[in-house]
Protein backbone atom coordinates (compact mmCIF):
# COMPACT_ATOMS: atom_id res chain seq x y z
CA PRO A 1 79.26 51.13 -35.67
CA GLY A 2 79.79 53.82 -32.79
CA PRO A 3 83.52 54.39 -31.73
CA VAL A 4 84.69 52.11 -29.44
CA SER A 5 85.27 53.36 -25.91
CA SER A 6 88.57 52.94 -24.37
CA PRO A 7 88.42 50.67 -20.77
CA MET A 8 88.60 52.15 -17.57
CA ARG A 9 91.79 51.55 -16.14
CA ILE A 10 91.99 51.01 -12.30
CA CYS A 11 95.55 50.32 -10.05
CA VAL A 12 94.41 49.10 -6.39
CA ILE A 13 97.87 49.36 -4.62
CA GLY A 14 98.24 46.86 -1.46
CA ALA A 15 97.79 43.26 -2.29
CA GLY A 16 96.41 42.48 1.12
CA ILE A 17 93.40 40.03 1.45
CA ALA A 18 91.17 43.80 0.71
CA GLY A 19 92.88 44.94 -1.79
CA THR A 20 93.21 41.56 -3.94
CA LEU A 21 89.62 40.75 -3.74
CA LEU A 22 88.74 43.65 -4.86
CA ALA A 23 90.84 43.46 -8.08
CA TRP A 24 89.36 40.07 -8.07
CA ARG A 25 85.73 41.53 -8.23
CA LEU A 26 86.79 45.17 -10.22
CA ARG A 27 87.84 42.29 -12.81
CA SER A 28 84.93 41.09 -13.58
CA TYR A 29 82.98 44.03 -14.94
CA PRO A 30 82.90 44.59 -18.42
CA ALA A 31 85.25 47.53 -20.09
CA VAL A 32 87.34 47.37 -16.93
CA GLU A 33 91.29 46.72 -16.85
CA VAL A 34 92.90 46.54 -13.55
CA ASP A 35 96.12 46.35 -12.09
CA LEU A 36 97.45 45.48 -8.63
CA VAL A 37 100.65 46.66 -7.44
CA THR A 38 101.84 44.12 -4.48
CA GLY A 39 104.02 46.66 -2.84
CA VAL A 40 107.37 45.60 -0.86
CA PRO A 41 107.35 41.56 0.00
CA GLY A 42 107.16 40.78 3.78
CA PRO A 43 104.86 39.99 6.90
CA ASP A 44 101.48 41.86 6.75
CA ALA A 45 98.15 41.87 8.39
CA THR A 46 97.03 39.04 5.97
CA ALA A 47 99.75 36.85 6.76
CA ALA A 48 98.88 37.00 10.43
CA SER A 49 95.17 37.04 10.46
CA GLY A 50 94.01 34.42 11.72
CA GLY A 51 90.94 34.20 9.12
CA GLY A 52 88.07 34.46 11.51
CA VAL A 53 84.83 35.50 9.70
CA ARG A 54 81.17 36.32 11.34
CA GLY A 55 78.47 38.44 10.63
CA PHE A 56 77.45 39.61 13.97
CA GLU A 57 79.38 42.99 15.15
CA THR A 58 77.84 45.70 17.92
CA HIS A 59 78.98 48.25 15.34
CA PRO A 60 76.25 49.12 12.27
CA GLU A 61 78.42 49.91 10.21
CA GLN A 62 81.15 46.66 10.75
CA ARG A 63 77.85 44.49 10.69
CA ARG A 64 76.49 45.29 7.71
CA LEU A 65 79.77 44.63 6.34
CA ALA A 66 80.41 41.40 7.94
CA VAL A 67 77.41 40.14 6.68
CA GLU A 68 77.47 41.06 3.76
CA SER A 69 81.00 40.00 3.39
CA LEU A 70 79.98 36.70 4.96
CA ALA A 71 77.19 36.47 2.39
CA GLU A 72 79.58 36.78 -0.93
CA LEU A 73 81.57 34.35 0.68
CA PHE A 74 79.11 31.98 0.44
CA GLU A 75 77.02 32.81 -2.22
CA THR A 76 80.42 32.76 -5.09
CA PRO A 77 80.96 29.75 -6.70
CA GLY A 78 84.41 28.52 -5.51
CA LEU A 79 85.51 31.29 -2.90
CA LEU A 80 84.14 29.42 -0.49
CA ASP A 81 86.86 26.51 -1.31
CA GLN A 82 89.72 28.71 -2.35
CA ALA A 83 88.93 30.62 1.08
CA GLY A 84 89.33 27.03 3.26
CA TYR A 85 86.50 28.05 4.95
CA THR A 86 85.63 25.66 7.92
CA GLU A 87 82.72 26.26 10.26
CA THR A 88 82.70 26.17 14.22
CA GLY A 89 80.06 28.98 15.01
CA SER A 90 80.90 31.41 17.30
CA THR A 91 80.04 32.85 21.01
CA TYR A 92 79.63 36.73 21.21
CA LEU A 93 80.01 37.59 24.40
CA MET A 94 78.15 40.81 25.75
CA ALA A 95 75.76 42.86 28.69
CA GLY A 96 72.65 43.09 26.48
CA TYR A 97 71.22 46.82 25.46
CA ASP A 98 68.87 47.79 23.54
CA GLY A 99 68.83 47.17 20.38
CA LEU A 100 70.20 43.68 20.32
CA GLU A 101 67.42 42.14 18.85
CA ASP A 102 67.49 44.02 16.15
CA ALA A 103 70.94 43.82 15.12
CA VAL A 104 70.52 40.37 15.07
CA ALA A 105 67.78 40.21 13.24
CA GLU A 106 69.91 42.16 10.46
CA VAL A 107 72.42 39.09 10.34
CA GLU A 108 68.98 36.41 10.28
CA HIS A 109 67.85 38.49 7.08
CA LEU A 110 70.55 37.43 5.02
CA HIS A 111 71.74 34.11 7.14
CA PRO A 112 68.08 32.72 8.44
CA GLY A 113 68.65 30.14 11.28
CA SER A 114 72.26 31.17 12.46
CA THR A 115 71.88 33.71 14.90
CA GLU A 116 69.93 33.48 18.13
CA VAL A 117 70.50 35.55 21.82
CA VAL A 118 70.56 33.54 24.88
CA ASP A 119 70.95 34.46 28.40
CA GLY A 120 73.27 33.99 30.78
CA SER A 121 71.91 30.36 32.33
CA THR A 122 72.22 29.06 28.59
CA LEU A 123 75.77 30.11 28.66
CA ARG A 124 76.44 28.73 31.39
CA ARG A 125 74.59 25.41 30.28
CA LEU A 126 76.76 25.24 27.41
CA GLY A 127 80.27 25.65 29.62
CA TRP A 128 80.54 29.56 30.24
CA HIS A 129 81.26 30.20 33.95
CA GLY A 130 82.53 33.22 36.06
CA LEU A 131 80.56 35.69 33.62
CA PRO A 132 79.28 39.32 35.30
CA ASP A 133 75.27 39.42 35.81
CA GLY A 134 73.35 40.47 33.14
CA SER A 135 75.61 38.90 30.16
CA VAL A 136 74.20 37.86 27.24
CA GLY A 137 75.39 35.60 24.50
CA VAL A 138 75.06 36.27 20.46
CA LEU A 139 75.15 32.25 18.95
CA GLU A 140 76.02 32.15 15.55
CA LYS A 141 76.16 28.85 13.60
CA ARG A 142 77.32 30.17 10.05
CA ALA A 143 80.66 31.91 11.32
CA GLY A 144 84.20 30.15 11.33
CA PHE A 145 87.64 30.32 9.82
CA ILE A 146 89.12 31.32 6.52
CA ARG A 147 92.94 31.08 5.40
CA PRO A 148 93.50 34.35 4.13
CA ASP A 149 96.97 34.59 2.76
CA HIS A 150 96.10 30.94 1.03
CA LEU A 151 93.06 32.63 -0.50
CA ARG A 152 94.92 36.39 -1.00
CA ALA A 153 98.12 33.37 -3.08
CA LEU A 154 95.28 32.00 -5.24
CA VAL A 155 93.41 35.21 -6.23
CA ILE A 156 96.98 36.54 -6.97
CA ASP A 157 97.61 33.83 -9.06
CA GLN A 158 94.09 34.56 -10.91
CA LEU A 159 94.81 37.90 -11.41
CA ALA A 160 97.97 37.20 -13.02
CA ARG A 161 96.66 34.70 -15.79
CA SER A 162 93.53 36.94 -16.78
CA GLU A 163 93.32 39.13 -19.75
CA ASN A 164 92.15 42.27 -18.01
CA SER A 165 94.00 42.48 -15.30
CA ARG A 166 97.66 42.10 -14.16
CA VAL A 167 100.01 41.45 -11.40
CA VAL A 168 102.64 44.11 -10.76
CA THR A 169 105.40 43.40 -8.02
CA GLY A 170 107.09 45.96 -6.29
CA PRO A 171 106.83 49.22 -4.36
CA VAL A 172 105.26 52.46 -5.57
CA LEU A 173 107.83 54.82 -6.42
CA GLY A 174 105.49 57.92 -6.97
CA LEU A 175 101.55 59.13 -7.88
CA VAL A 176 101.37 61.72 -10.05
CA PRO A 177 97.54 63.25 -10.22
CA HIS A 178 96.63 64.81 -13.81
CA PRO A 179 94.36 68.17 -14.54
CA ASP A 180 92.07 65.74 -16.25
CA GLY A 181 91.58 63.23 -12.81
CA SER A 182 93.73 60.48 -14.27
CA VAL A 183 96.76 59.46 -12.15
CA THR A 184 100.41 58.29 -13.22
CA CYS A 185 101.89 55.57 -11.02
CA ARG A 186 105.79 54.89 -10.92
CA THR A 187 106.73 51.22 -9.97
CA PRO A 188 109.98 49.67 -10.83
CA SER A 189 109.23 48.10 -13.69
CA GLY A 190 107.79 51.98 -15.33
CA SER A 191 105.21 54.06 -15.11
CA ASP A 192 101.65 53.66 -16.00
CA ARG A 193 98.68 55.93 -16.21
CA TYR A 194 95.10 55.27 -14.54
CA ASP A 195 91.93 56.49 -14.44
CA VAL A 196 91.07 55.38 -11.06
CA VAL A 197 93.64 54.26 -8.28
CA VAL A 198 92.67 52.83 -4.99
CA VAL A 199 95.28 52.74 -2.17
CA ALA A 200 94.27 49.61 -0.10
CA ALA A 201 97.53 49.36 2.52
CA GLY A 202 97.16 49.50 6.45
CA PRO A 203 99.06 50.29 8.99
CA TRP A 204 101.56 48.06 8.08
CA THR A 205 102.29 49.24 4.83
CA PRO A 206 105.90 51.44 4.82
CA GLY A 207 104.94 54.90 3.44
C-alpha cells in the first residue's frame, strides 16, 4: 500500500448561516477536516434575518446564487425540515425591462412551474393598487421563509458531534500565514494550523 495522505484541514471563521453551512458542506467531502470558529457571542445578521428565500433577483449573479441555493434547500434530504421552511410565494414588483423573460426562464430551469411575469392589470386583480404605469410583477410560487437562527443551531450541533469537524468557541486572536501557504489560527483554546482558512464574517463582526 502507498503512503496515507493527511486530510486537508480547513478553518471557517464565522458561525453565521453562511459560515455554518459552508462548514457543513465541506464536512461531507472525503479526506477533509473542518473547524468552525464561532467568534464572539452576540446578535448577528443571522439572528436578525427574516429568512426570506426566493429564486428571482434582478442582478444576474445574485439570481444564480439564489436559484442554486433554493435548489439545494429542496434537494437535500432533511435540510428543508431543519430549516423550518414555509412556502408563502413571492411577488417582486418592478418596471419591466429587456431581458426580464430570460431572467425568469433561469429560475424556471431549476424550478419548473414556479415563476411567471404578470402585467399591471393582473397585479390589480391580485390586490395591488396605485402602482406606477408600466409596473410588472414576478410571481414565484416556490418562495417562502426559513428560520436561519434555528437552522444554524442545528447544524452547529451536527458539526460538534461529527468525527471530521469541530466547533471552536470564542474569538480569533490572530492569524499567522506561513511560506507553504498554511495559516495558524489562534483562539483562546490554543493554536491550530490549517491548509485553508475562510473568513465568513459580515459587517457586524468586530475587527
